[in-house]
Amino acid sequence: MHFLQQPAAPAAEAPNLFFQFIVPMGLVFVIFYFLMFRPASKKQKAVEAMLKSLKNGDRVITSGGIYGTVAGITDDIIQLRVSNGVKIDVARNAIAGLQKEE
């Protein structure tokens, strides 16, 4: 009967919820931030900088695929010369990028 009087072994500690759930989720968030959110944010800032730096004579392409030369700029409207004597107005946000020099 002596073995019945021995103190019971200490119960294993309950796993800490913080380390089992919060830390892995935090790591997943950090990975998503560096793989998805940060590059998208950098690209958006580059596009905004390009739109702000547009000037007359720049060759651009619109999001609709129209190539043109900037002929006039107002706050939200860019006037593009697409051919001799043909000018169109497009929204500033429709400019997708600068055309590379050939």
PDB file of N, CA and C in Angstrom:
ATOM      1  N   MET A   1       0.823  -1.188   0.000  1.00  0.00           N
ATOM      2  CA  MET A   1       0.000   0.000   0.000  1.00  0.00           C
ATOM      3  C   MET A   1       0.864   1.249   0.000  1.00  0.00           C
ATOM      4  N   HIS A   2       2.134   1.070   0.098  1.00  0.00           N
ATOM      5  CA  HIS A   2       3.006   2.221   0.139  1.00  0.00           C
ATOM      6  C   HIS A   2       3.006   2.969  -1.222  1.00  0.00           C
ATOM      7  N   PHE A   3       2.866   2.219  -2.298  1.00  0.00           N
ATOM      8  CA  PHE A   3       2.894   2.863  -3.618  1.00  0.00           C
ATOM      9  C   PHE A   3       1.675   3.749  -3.863  1.00  0.00           C
ATOM     10  N   LEU A   4       0.607   3.521  -3.128  1.00  0.00           N
ATOM     11  CA  LEU A   4      -0.585   4.363  -3.305  1.00  0.00           C
ATOM     12  C   LEU A   4      -0.420   5.720  -2.644  1.00  0.00           C
ATOM     13  N   GLN A   5       0.522   5.829  -1.746  1.00  0.00           N
ATOM     14  CA  GLN A   5       0.685   7.079  -1.035  1.00  0.00           C
ATOM     15  C   GLN A   5       1.694   8.013  -1.708  1.00  0.00           C
ATOM     16  N   GLN A   6       2.311   7.573  -2.766  1.00  0.00           N
ATOM     17  CA  GLN A   6       3.275   8.440  -3.453  1.00  0.00           C
ATOM     18  C   GLN A   6       2.528   9.600  -4.114  1.00  0.00           C
ATOM     19  N   PRO A   7       3.146  10.756  -4.083  1.00  0.00           N
ATOM     20  CA  PRO A   7       2.475  11.893  -4.736  1.00  0.00           C
ATOM     21  C   PRO A   7       2.384  11.650  -6.238  1.00  0.00           C
ATOM     22  N   ALA A   8       1.318  12.093  -6.761  1.00  0.00           N
ATOM     23  CA  ALA A   8       1.096  11.933  -8.206  1.00  0.00           C
ATOM     24  C   ALA A   8       2.085  12.812  -8.960  1.00  0.00           C
ATOM     25  N   ALA A   9       2.460  12.343 -10.132  1.00  0.00           N
ATOM     26  CA  ALA A   9       3.361  13.128 -10.972  1.00  0.00           C
ATOM     27  C   ALA A   9       2.655  14.417 -11.379  1.00  0.00           C
ATOM     28  N   PRO A  10       3.398  15.503 -11.465  1.00  0.00           N
ATOM     29  CA  PRO A  10       2.732  16.765 -11.855  1.00  0.00           C
ATOM     30  C   PRO A  10       2.099  16.643 -13.245  1.00  0.00           C
ATOM     31  N   ALA A  11       0.915  17.140 -13.319  1.00  0.00           N
ATOM     32  CA  ALA A  11       0.196  17.085 -14.585  1.00  0.00           C
ATOM     33  C   ALA A  11       0.924  17.940 -15.622  1.00  0.00           C
ATOM     34  N   ALA A  12       0.904  17.461 -16.831  1.00  0.00           N
ATOM     35  CA  ALA A  12       1.541  18.227 -17.894  1.00  0.00           C
ATOM     36  C   ALA A  12       0.815  19.557 -18.032  1.00  0.00           C
ATOM     37  N   GLU A  13       1.608  20.590 -18.234  1.00  0.00           N
ATOM     38  CA  GLU A  13       0.999  21.912 -18.354  1.00  0.00           C
ATOM     39  C   GLU A  13       0.160  21.983 -19.623  1.00  0.00           C
ATOM     40  N   ALA A  14      -0.922  22.678 -19.502  1.00  0.00           N
ATOM     41  CA  ALA A  14      -1.769  22.874 -20.679  1.00  0.00           C
ATOM     42  C   ALA A  14      -1.002  23.702 -21.689  1.00  0.00           C
ATOM     43  N   PRO A  15      -1.062  23.341 -22.938  1.00  0.00           N
ATOM     44  CA  PRO A  15      -0.335  24.117 -23.946  1.00  0.00           C
ATOM     45  C   PRO A  15      -0.825  25.558 -23.972  1.00  0.00           C
ATOM     46  N   ASN A  16       0.094  26.441 -24.136  1.00  0.00           N
ATOM     47  CA  ASN A  16      -0.214  27.860 -24.124  1.00  0.00           C
ATOM     48  C   ASN A  16      -0.875  28.234 -25.456  1.00  0.00           C
ATOM     49  N   LEU A  17      -2.042  28.821 -25.363  1.00  0.00           N
ATOM     50  CA  LEU A  17      -2.793  29.210 -26.558  1.00  0.00           C
ATOM     51  C   LEU A  17      -2.023  30.228 -27.388  1.00  0.00           C
ATOM     52  N   PHE A  18      -1.279  31.071 -26.717  1.00  0.00           N
ATOM     53  CA  PHE A  18      -0.527  32.104 -27.418  1.00  0.00           C
ATOM     54  C   PHE A  18       0.459  31.496 -28.411  1.00  0.00           C
ATOM     55  N   PHE A  19       1.202  30.504 -27.971  1.00  0.00           N
ATOM     56  CA  PHE A  19       2.215  29.928 -28.842  1.00  0.00           C
ATOM     57  C   PHE A  19       1.620  28.976 -29.871  1.00  0.00           C
ATOM     58  N   GLN A  20       0.469  28.405 -29.567  1.00  0.00           N
ATOM     59  CA  GLN A  20      -0.122  27.460 -30.509  1.00  0.00           C
ATOM     60  C   GLN A  20      -0.911  28.140 -31.619  1.00  0.00           C
ATOM     61  N   PHE A  21      -1.456  29.311 -31.391  1.00  0.00           N
ATOM     62  CA  PHE A  21      -2.324  29.932 -32.381  1.00  0.00           C
ATOM     63  C   PHE A  21      -1.849  31.309 -32.823  1.00  0.00           C
ATOM     64  N   ILE A  22      -1.582  32.162 -31.871  1.00  0.00           N
ATOM     65  CA  ILE A  22      -1.288  33.550 -32.199  1.00  0.00           C
ATOM     66  C   ILE A  22       0.049  33.689 -32.927  1.00  0.00           C
ATOM     67  N   VAL A  23       1.066  33.022 -32.465  1.00  0.00           N
ATOM     68  CA  VAL A  23       2.387  33.162 -33.092  1.00  0.00           C
ATOM     69  C   VAL A  23       2.375  32.649 -34.535  1.00  0.00           C
ATOM     70  N   PRO A  24       1.828  31.452 -34.828  1.00  0.00           N
ATOM     71  CA  PRO A  24       1.781  31.044 -36.240  1.00  0.00           C
ATOM     72  C   PRO A  24       0.949  31.977 -37.109  1.00  0.00           C
ATOM     73  N   MET A  25      -0.164  32.469 -36.579  1.00  0.00           N
ATOM     74  CA  MET A  25      -0.980  33.396 -37.366  1.00  0.00           C
ATOM     75  C   MET A  25      -0.239  34.703 -37.600  1.00  0.00           C
ATOM     76  N   GLY A  26       0.521  35.139 -36.621  1.00  0.00           N
ATOM     77  CA  GLY A  26       1.321  36.336 -36.801  1.00  0.00           C
ATOM     78  C   GLY A  26       2.391  36.130 -37.863  1.00  0.00           C
ATOM     79  N   LEU A  27       3.005  34.961 -37.868  1.00  0.00           N
ATOM     80  CA  LEU A  27       4.011  34.671 -38.896  1.00  0.00           C
ATOM     81  C   LEU A  27       3.378  34.631 -40.289  1.00  0.00           C
ATOM     82  N   VAL A  28       2.193  34.060 -40.398  1.00  0.00           N
ATOM     83  CA  VAL A  28       1.500  34.021 -41.683  1.00  0.00           C
ATOM     84  C   VAL A  28       1.194  35.441 -42.152  1.00  0.00           C
ATOM     85  N   PHE A  29       0.752  36.295 -41.240  1.00  0.00           N
ATOM     86  CA  PHE A  29       0.466  37.684 -41.606  1.00  0.00           C
ATOM     87  C   PHE A  29       1.728  38.389 -42.082  1.00  0.00           C
ATOM     88  N   VAL A  30       2.827  38.181 -41.387  1.00  0.00           N
ATOM     89  CA  VAL A  30       4.090  38.825 -41.787  1.00  0.00           C
ATOM     90  C   VAL A  30       4.514  38.351 -43.176  1.00  0.00           C
ATOM     91  N   ILE A  31       4.377  37.053 -43.438  1.00  0.00           N
ATOM     92  CA  ILE A  31       4.739  36.518 -44.753  1.00  0.00           C
ATOM     93  C   ILE A  31       3.845  37.122 -45.835  1.00  0.00           C
ATOM     94  N   PHE A  32       2.539  37.182 -45.586  1.00  0.00           N
ATOM     95  CA  PHE A  32       1.622  37.779 -46.562  1.00  0.00           C
ATOM     96  C   PHE A  32       1.962  39.242 -46.789  1.00  0.00           C
ATOM     97  N   TYR A  33       2.312  39.948 -45.727  1.00  0.00           N
ATOM     98  CA  TYR A  33       2.649  41.360 -45.867  1.00  0.00           C
ATOM     99  C   TYR A  33       3.832  41.538 -46.803  1.00  0.00           C
ATOM    100  N   PHE A  34       4.884  40.765 -46.612  1.00  0.00           N
ATOM    101  CA  PHE A  34       6.082  40.950 -47.425  1.00  0.00           C
ATOM    102  C   PHE A  34       5.938  40.366 -48.823  1.00  0.00           C
ATOM    103  N   LEU A  35       5.075  39.385 -49.021  1.00  0.00           N
ATOM    104  CA  LEU A  35       4.910  38.801 -50.342  1.00  0.00           C
ATOM    105  C   LEU A  35       3.822  39.457 -51.171  1.00  0.00           C
ATOM    106  N   MET A  36       2.802  40.023 -50.530  1.00  0.00           N
ATOM    107  CA  MET A  36       1.662  40.531 -51.292  1.00  0.00           C
ATOM    108  C   MET A  36       1.406  42.019 -51.055  1.00  0.00           C
ATOM    109  N   PHE A  37       1.239  42.425 -49.833  1.00  0.00           N
ATOM    110  CA  PHE A  37       0.801  43.789 -49.557  1.00  0.00           C
ATOM    111  C   PHE A  37       1.888  44.818 -49.842  1.00  0.00           C
ATOM    112  N   ARG A  38       3.097  44.567 -49.428  1.00  0.00           N
ATOM    113  CA  ARG A  38       4.164  45.548 -49.603  1.00  0.00           C
ATOM    114  C   ARG A  38       4.519  45.765 -51.071  1.00  0.00           C
ATOM    115  N   PRO A  39       4.684  44.711 -51.895  1.00  0.00           N
ATOM    116  CA  PRO A  39       4.949  44.965 -53.320  1.00  0.00           C
ATOM    117  C   PRO A  39       3.811  45.712 -54.000  1.00  0.00           C
ATOM    118  N   ALA A  40       2.568  45.399 -53.653  1.00  0.00           N
ATOM    119  CA  ALA A  40       1.436  46.107 -54.248  1.00  0.00           C
ATOM    120  C   ALA A  40       1.450  47.569 -53.833  1.00  0.00           C
ATOM    121  N   SER A  41       1.788  47.831 -52.601  1.00  0.00           N
ATOM    122  CA  SER A  41       1.857  49.207 -52.123  1.00  0.00           C
ATOM    123  C   SER A  41       2.971  49.975 -52.835  1.00  0.00           C
ATOM    124  N   LYS A  42       4.116  49.335 -53.014  1.00  0.00           N
ATOM    125  CA  LYS A  42       5.225  49.985 -53.712  1.00  0.00           C
ATOM    126  C   LYS A  42       4.860  50.278 -55.160  1.00  0.00           C
ATOM    127  N   LYS A  43       4.177  49.334 -55.818  1.00  0.00           N
ATOM    128  CA  LYS A  43       3.785  49.534 -57.208  1.00  0.00           C
ATOM    129  C   LYS A  43       2.782  50.682 -57.317  1.00  0.00           C
ATOM    130  N   GLN A  44       1.832  50.750 -56.394  1.00  0.00           N
ATOM    131  CA  GLN A  44       0.837  51.816 -56.394  1.00  0.00           C
ATOM    132  C   GLN A  44       1.500  53.175 -56.205  1.00  0.00           C
ATOM    133  N   LYS A  45       2.482  53.249 -55.325  1.00  0.00           N
ATOM    134  CA  LYS A  45       3.194  54.509 -55.116  1.00  0.00           C
ATOM    135  C   LYS A  45       3.979  54.901 -56.361  1.00  0.00           C
ATOM    136  N   ALA A  46       4.556  53.928 -57.058  1.00  0.00           N
ATOM    137  CA  ALA A  46       5.301  54.228 -58.288  1.00  0.00           C
ATOM    138  C   ALA A  46       4.371  54.765 -59.368  1.00  0.00           C
ATOM    139  N   VAL A  47       3.174  54.185 -59.481  1.00  0.00           N
ATOM    140  CA  VAL A  47       2.207  54.656 -60.477  1.00  0.00           C
ATOM    141  C   VAL A  47       1.751  56.073 -60.134  1.00  0.00           C
ATOM    142  N   GLU A  48       1.484  56.335 -58.863  1.00  0.00           N
ATOM    143  CA  GLU A  48       1.075  57.681 -58.449  1.00  0.00           C
ATOM    144  C   GLU A  48       2.177  58.698 -58.731  1.00  0.00           C
ATOM    145  N   ALA A  49       3.419  58.329 -58.491  1.00  0.00           N
ATOM    146  CA  ALA A  49       4.539  59.234 -58.777  1.00  0.00           C
ATOM    147  C   ALA A  49       4.651  59.492 -60.275  1.00  0.00           C
ATOM    148  N   MET A  50       4.438  58.454 -61.092  1.00  0.00           N
ATOM    149  CA  MET A  50       4.499  58.614 -62.543  1.00  0.00           C
ATOM    150  C   MET A  50       3.385  59.547 -63.015  1.00  0.00           C
ATOM    151  N   LEU A  51       2.169  59.372 -62.463  1.00  0.00           N
ATOM    152  CA  LEU A  51       1.046  60.219 -62.866  1.00  0.00           C
ATOM    153  C   LEU A  51       1.284  61.678 -62.483  1.00  0.00           C
ATOM    154  N   LYS A  52       1.912  61.897 -61.336  1.00  0.00           N
ATOM    155  CA  LYS A  52       2.185  63.272 -60.907  1.00  0.00           C
ATOM    156  C   LYS A  52       3.283  63.920 -61.739  1.00  0.00           C
ATOM    157  N   SER A  53       4.182  63.101 -62.281  1.00  0.00           N
ATOM    158  CA  SER A  53       5.323  63.671 -63.000  1.00  0.00           C
ATOM    159  C   SER A  53       5.083  63.770 -64.506  1.00  0.00           C
ATOM    160  N   LEU A  54       3.867  63.478 -64.968  1.00  0.00           N
ATOM    161  CA  LEU A  54       3.606  63.586 -66.405  1.00  0.00           C
ATOM    162  C   LEU A  54       3.779  65.029 -66.868  1.00  0.00           C
ATOM    163  N   LYS A  55       4.316  65.176 -68.070  1.00  0.00           N
ATOM    164  CA  LYS A  55       4.485  66.514 -68.638  1.00  0.00           C
ATOM    165  C   LYS A  55       4.210  66.445 -70.135  1.00  0.00           C
ATOM    166  N   ASN A  56       4.001  67.590 -70.726  1.00  0.00           N
ATOM    167  CA  ASN A  56       3.731  67.648 -72.160  1.00  0.00           C
ATOM    168  C   ASN A  56       4.874  66.999 -72.922  1.00  0.00           C
ATOM    169  N   GLY A  57       4.510  66.198 -73.937  1.00  0.00           N
ATOM    170  CA  GLY A  57       5.506  65.537 -74.758  1.00  0.00           C
ATOM    171  C   GLY A  57       5.809  64.114 -74.342  1.00  0.00           C
ATOM    172  N   ASP A  58       5.350  63.689 -73.165  1.00  0.00           N
ATOM    173  CA  ASP A  58       5.583  62.306 -72.739  1.00  0.00           C
ATOM    174  C   ASP A  58       4.752  61.353 -73.591  1.00  0.00           C
ATOM    175  N   ARG A  59       5.345  60.247 -73.988  1.00  0.00           N
ATOM    176  CA  ARG A  59       4.618  59.203 -74.710  1.00  0.00           C
ATOM    177  C   ARG A  59       4.065  58.242 -73.674  1.00  0.00           C
ATOM    178  N   VAL A  60       2.740  58.023 -73.705  1.00  0.00           N
ATOM    179  CA  VAL A  60       2.091  57.194 -72.698  1.00  0.00           C
ATOM    180  C   VAL A  60       1.192  56.169 -73.371  1.00  0.00           C
ATOM    181  N   ILE A  61       0.801  55.192 -72.593  1.00  0.00           N
ATOM    182  CA  ILE A  61      -0.198  54.211 -73.014  1.00  0.00           C
ATOM    183  C   ILE A  61      -1.300  54.218 -71.960  1.00  0.00           C
ATOM    184  N   THR A  62      -2.539  54.161 -72.440  1.00  0.00           N
ATOM    185  CA  THR A  62      -3.662  54.154 -71.506  1.00  0.00           C
ATOM    186  C   THR A  62      -4.000  52.721 -71.116  1.00  0.00           C
ATOM    187  N   SER A  63      -4.831  52.582 -70.116  1.00  0.00           N
ATOM    188  CA  SER A  63      -5.245  51.239 -69.703  1.00  0.00           C
ATOM    189  C   SER A  63      -6.100  50.573 -70.772  1.00  0.00           C
ATOM    190  N   GLY A  64      -6.633  51.348 -71.723  1.00  0.00           N
ATOM    191  CA  GLY A  64      -7.388  50.792 -72.844  1.00  0.00           C
ATOM    192  C   GLY A  64      -6.514  50.433 -74.032  1.00  0.00           C
ATOM    193  N   GLY A  65      -5.220  50.716 -73.933  1.00  0.00           N
ATOM    194  CA  GLY A  65      -4.297  50.346 -75.001  1.00  0.00           C
ATOM    195  C   GLY A  65      -4.057  51.426 -76.033  1.00  0.00           C
ATOM    196  N   ILE A  66      -4.438  52.646 -75.757  1.00  0.00           N
ATOM    197  CA  ILE A  66      -4.239  53.746 -76.698  1.00  0.00           C
ATOM    198  C   ILE A  66      -2.892  54.400 -76.416  1.00  0.00           C
ATOM    199  N   TYR A  67      -2.090  54.512 -77.468  1.00  0.00           N
ATOM    200  CA  TYR A  67      -0.813  55.210 -77.360  1.00  0.00           C
ATOM    201  C   TYR A  67      -1.018  56.657 -77.743  1.00  0.00           C
ATOM    202  N   GLY A  68      -0.335  57.544 -77.053  1.00  0.00           N
ATOM    203  CA  GLY A  68      -0.454  58.945 -77.392  1.00  0.00           C
ATOM    204  C   GLY A  68       0.633  59.759 -76.729  1.00  0.00           C
ATOM    205  N   THR A  69       0.668  61.003 -77.137  1.00  0.00           N
ATOM    206  CA  THR A  69       1.617  61.964 -76.579  1.00  0.00           C
ATOM    207  C   THR A  69       0.837  62.978 -75.771  1.00  0.00           C
ATOM    208  N   VAL A  70       1.308  63.266 -74.592  1.00  0.00           N
ATOM    209  CA  VAL A  70       0.611  64.211 -73.723  1.00  0.00           C
ATOM    210  C   VAL A  70       0.682  65.592 -74.364  1.00  0.00           C
ATOM    211  N   ALA A  71      -0.514  66.187 -74.589  1.00  0.00           N
ATOM    212  CA  ALA A  71      -0.592  67.502 -75.208  1.00  0.00           C
ATOM    213  C   ALA A  71      -1.153  68.538 -74.254  1.00  0.00           C
ATOM    214  N   GLY A  72      -1.734  68.105 -73.172  1.00  0.00           N
ATOM    215  CA  GLY A  72      -2.276  69.044 -72.204  1.00  0.00           C
ATOM    216  C   GLY A  72      -2.621  68.323 -70.917  1.00  0.00           C
ATOM    217  N   ILE A  73      -2.517  69.027 -69.829  1.00  0.00           N
ATOM    218  CA  ILE A  73      -2.757  68.413 -68.520  1.00  0.00           C
ATOM    219  C   ILE A  73      -3.599  69.353 -67.685  1.00  0.00           C
ATOM    220  N   THR A  74      -4.660  68.816 -67.116  1.00  0.00           N
ATOM    221  CA  THR A  74      -5.395  69.527 -66.074  1.00  0.00           C
ATOM    222  C   THR A  74      -5.364  68.633 -64.839  1.00  0.00           C
ATOM    223  N   ASP A  75      -6.143  68.974 -63.840  1.00  0.00           N
ATOM    224  CA  ASP A  75      -6.086  68.195 -62.601  1.00  0.00           C
ATOM    225  C   ASP A  75      -6.397  66.716 -62.825  1.00  0.00           C
ATOM    226  N   ASP A  76      -7.516  66.413 -63.476  1.00  0.00           N
ATOM    227  CA  ASP A  76      -7.934  65.017 -63.625  1.00  0.00           C
ATOM    228  C   ASP A  76      -7.955  64.545 -65.062  1.00  0.00           C
ATOM    229  N   ILE A  77      -7.695  65.433 -66.005  1.00  0.00           N
ATOM    230  CA  ILE A  77      -7.812  65.076 -67.424  1.00  0.00           C
ATOM    231  C   ILE A  77      -6.473  65.289 -68.118  1.00  0.00           C
ATOM    232  N   ILE A  78      -6.117  64.288 -68.910  1.00  0.00           N
ATOM    233  CA  ILE A  78      -4.913  64.377 -69.729  1.00  0.00           C
ATOM    234  C   ILE A  78      -5.383  64.416 -71.182  1.00  0.00           C
ATOM    235  N   GLN A  79      -4.880  65.378 -71.921  1.00  0.00           N
ATOM    236  CA  GLN A  79      -5.203  65.448 -73.342  1.00  0.00           C
ATOM    237  C   GLN A  79      -4.059  64.783 -74.105  1.00  0.00           C
ATOM    238  N   LEU A  80      -4.440  63.762 -74.889  1.00  0.00           N
ATOM    239  CA  LEU A  80      -3.450  63.003 -75.644  1.00  0.00           C
ATOM    240  C   LEU A  80      -3.590  63.306 -77.125  1.00  0.00           C
ATOM    241  N   ARG A  81      -2.461  63.471 -77.784  1.00  0.00           N
ATOM    242  CA  ARG A  81      -2.449  63.571 -79.239  1.00  0.00           C
ATOM    243  C   ARG A  81      -2.146  62.170 -79.747  1.00  0.00           C
ATOM    244  N   VAL A  82      -3.123  61.566 -80.431  1.00  0.00           N
ATOM    245  CA  VAL A  82      -2.951  60.191 -80.896  1.00  0.00           C
ATOM    246  C   VAL A  82      -2.569  60.134 -82.362  1.00  0.00           C
ATOM    247  N   SER A  83      -2.803  61.226 -83.069  1.00  0.00           N
ATOM    248  CA  SER A  83      -2.426  61.313 -84.471  1.00  0.00           C
ATOM    249  C   SER A  83      -2.335  62.790 -84.810  1.00  0.00           C
ATOM    250  N   ASN A  84      -1.899  63.116 -86.005  1.00  0.00           N
ATOM    251  CA  ASN A  84      -1.822  64.521 -86.386  1.00  0.00           C
ATOM    252  C   ASN A  84      -3.218  65.140 -86.375  1.00  0.00           C
ATOM    253  N   GLY A  85      -3.420  66.107 -85.528  1.00  0.00           N
ATOM    254  CA  GLY A  85      -4.688  66.814 -85.457  1.00  0.00           C
ATOM    255  C   GLY A  85      -5.766  66.085 -84.668  1.00  0.00           C
ATOM    256  N   VAL A  86      -5.463  64.954 -84.082  1.00  0.00           N
ATOM    257  CA  VAL A  86      -6.457  64.202 -83.305  1.00  0.00           C
ATOM    258  C   VAL A  86      -6.026  64.186 -81.844  1.00  0.00           C
ATOM    259  N   LYS A  87      -6.847  64.824 -81.030  1.00  0.00           N
ATOM    260  CA  LYS A  87      -6.577  64.853 -79.591  1.00  0.00           C
ATOM    261  C   LYS A  87      -7.775  64.282 -78.860  1.00  0.00           C
ATOM    262  N   ILE A  88      -7.497  63.503 -77.823  1.00  0.00           N
ATOM    263  CA  ILE A  88      -8.573  62.943 -77.008  1.00  0.00           C
ATOM    264  C   ILE A  88      -8.279  63.258 -75.548  1.00  0.00           C
ATOM    265  N   ASP A  89      -9.354  63.357 -74.783  1.00  0.00           N
ATOM    266  CA  ASP A  89      -9.217  63.571 -73.344  1.00  0.00           C
ATOM    267  C   ASP A  89      -9.399  62.236 -72.639  1.00  0.00           C
ATOM    268  N   VAL A  90      -8.494  61.920 -71.743  1.00  0.00           N
ATOM    269  CA  VAL A  90      -8.617  60.697 -70.945  1.00  0.00           C
ATOM    270  C   VAL A  90      -8.433  61.071 -69.480  1.00  0.00           C
ATOM    271  N   ALA A  91      -8.992  60.253 -68.635  1.00  0.00           N
ATOM    272  CA  ALA A  91      -8.825  60.469 -67.196  1.00  0.00           C
ATOM    273  C   ALA A  91      -7.371  60.216 -66.818  1.00  0.00           C
ATOM    274  N   ARG A  92      -6.890  60.978 -65.888  1.00  0.00           N
ATOM    275  CA  ARG A  92      -5.510  60.800 -65.452  1.00  0.00           C
ATOM    276  C   ARG A  92      -5.278  59.373 -64.962  1.00  0.00           C
ATOM    277  N   ASN A  93      -6.263  58.798 -64.304  1.00  0.00           N
ATOM    278  CA  ASN A  93      -6.108  57.435 -63.785  1.00  0.00           C
ATOM    279  C   ASN A  93      -6.103  56.384 -64.887  1.00  0.00           C
ATOM    280  N   ALA A  94      -6.478  56.766 -66.124  1.00  0.00           N
ATOM    281  CA  ALA A  94      -6.475  55.808 -67.226  1.00  0.00           C
ATOM    282  C   ALA A  94      -5.089  55.641 -67.832  1.00  0.00           C
ATOM    283  N   ILE A  95      -4.153  56.479 -67.442  1.00  0.00           N
ATOM    284  CA  ILE A  95      -2.778  56.332 -67.941  1.00  0.00           C
ATOM    285  C   ILE A  95      -2.143  55.148 -67.224  1.00  0.00           C
ATOM    286  N   ALA A  96      -1.755  54.144 -68.023  1.00  0.00           N
ATOM    287  CA  ALA A  96      -1.185  52.931 -67.426  1.00  0.00           C
ATOM    288  C   ALA A  96       0.321  53.019 -67.266  1.00  0.00           C
ATOM    289  N   GLY A  97       0.963  53.801 -68.139  1.00  0.00           N
ATOM    290  CA  GLY A  97       2.409  53.897 -68.008  1.00  0.00           C
ATOM    291  C   GLY A  97       3.011  54.709 -69.118  1.00  0.00           C
ATOM    292  N   LEU A  98       4.282  54.952 -68.968  1.00  0.00           N
ATOM    293  CA  LEU A  98       5.026  55.668 -69.990  1.00  0.00           C
ATOM    294  C   LEU A  98       5.473  54.679 -71.052  1.00  0.00           C
ATOM    295  N   GLN A  99       5.430  55.145 -72.299  1.00  0.00           N
ATOM    296  CA  GLN A  99       5.895  54.298 -73.382  1.00  0.00           C
ATOM    297  C   GLN A  99       7.415  54.351 -73.414  1.00  0.00           C
ATOM    298  N   LYS A 100       8.001  53.199 -73.551  1.00  0.00           N
ATOM    299  CA  LYS A 100       9.453  53.135 -73.582  1.00  0.00           C
ATOM    300  C   LYS A 100       9.967  53.704 -74.898  1.00  0.00           C
ATOM    301  N   GLU A 101      11.106  54.376 -74.796  1.00  0.00           N
ATOM    302  CA  GLU A 101      11.742  54.924 -75.995  1.00  0.00           C
ATOM    303  C   GLU A 101      12.259  53.782 -76.852  1.00  0.00           C
ATOM    304  N   GLU A 102      12.113  53.914 -78.141  1.00  0.00           N
ATOM    305  CA  GLU A 102      12.586  52.860 -79.049  1.00  0.00           C
ATOM    306  C   GLU A 102      13.898  53.229 -79.665  1.00  0.00           C
TER     307      GLU A 102
END
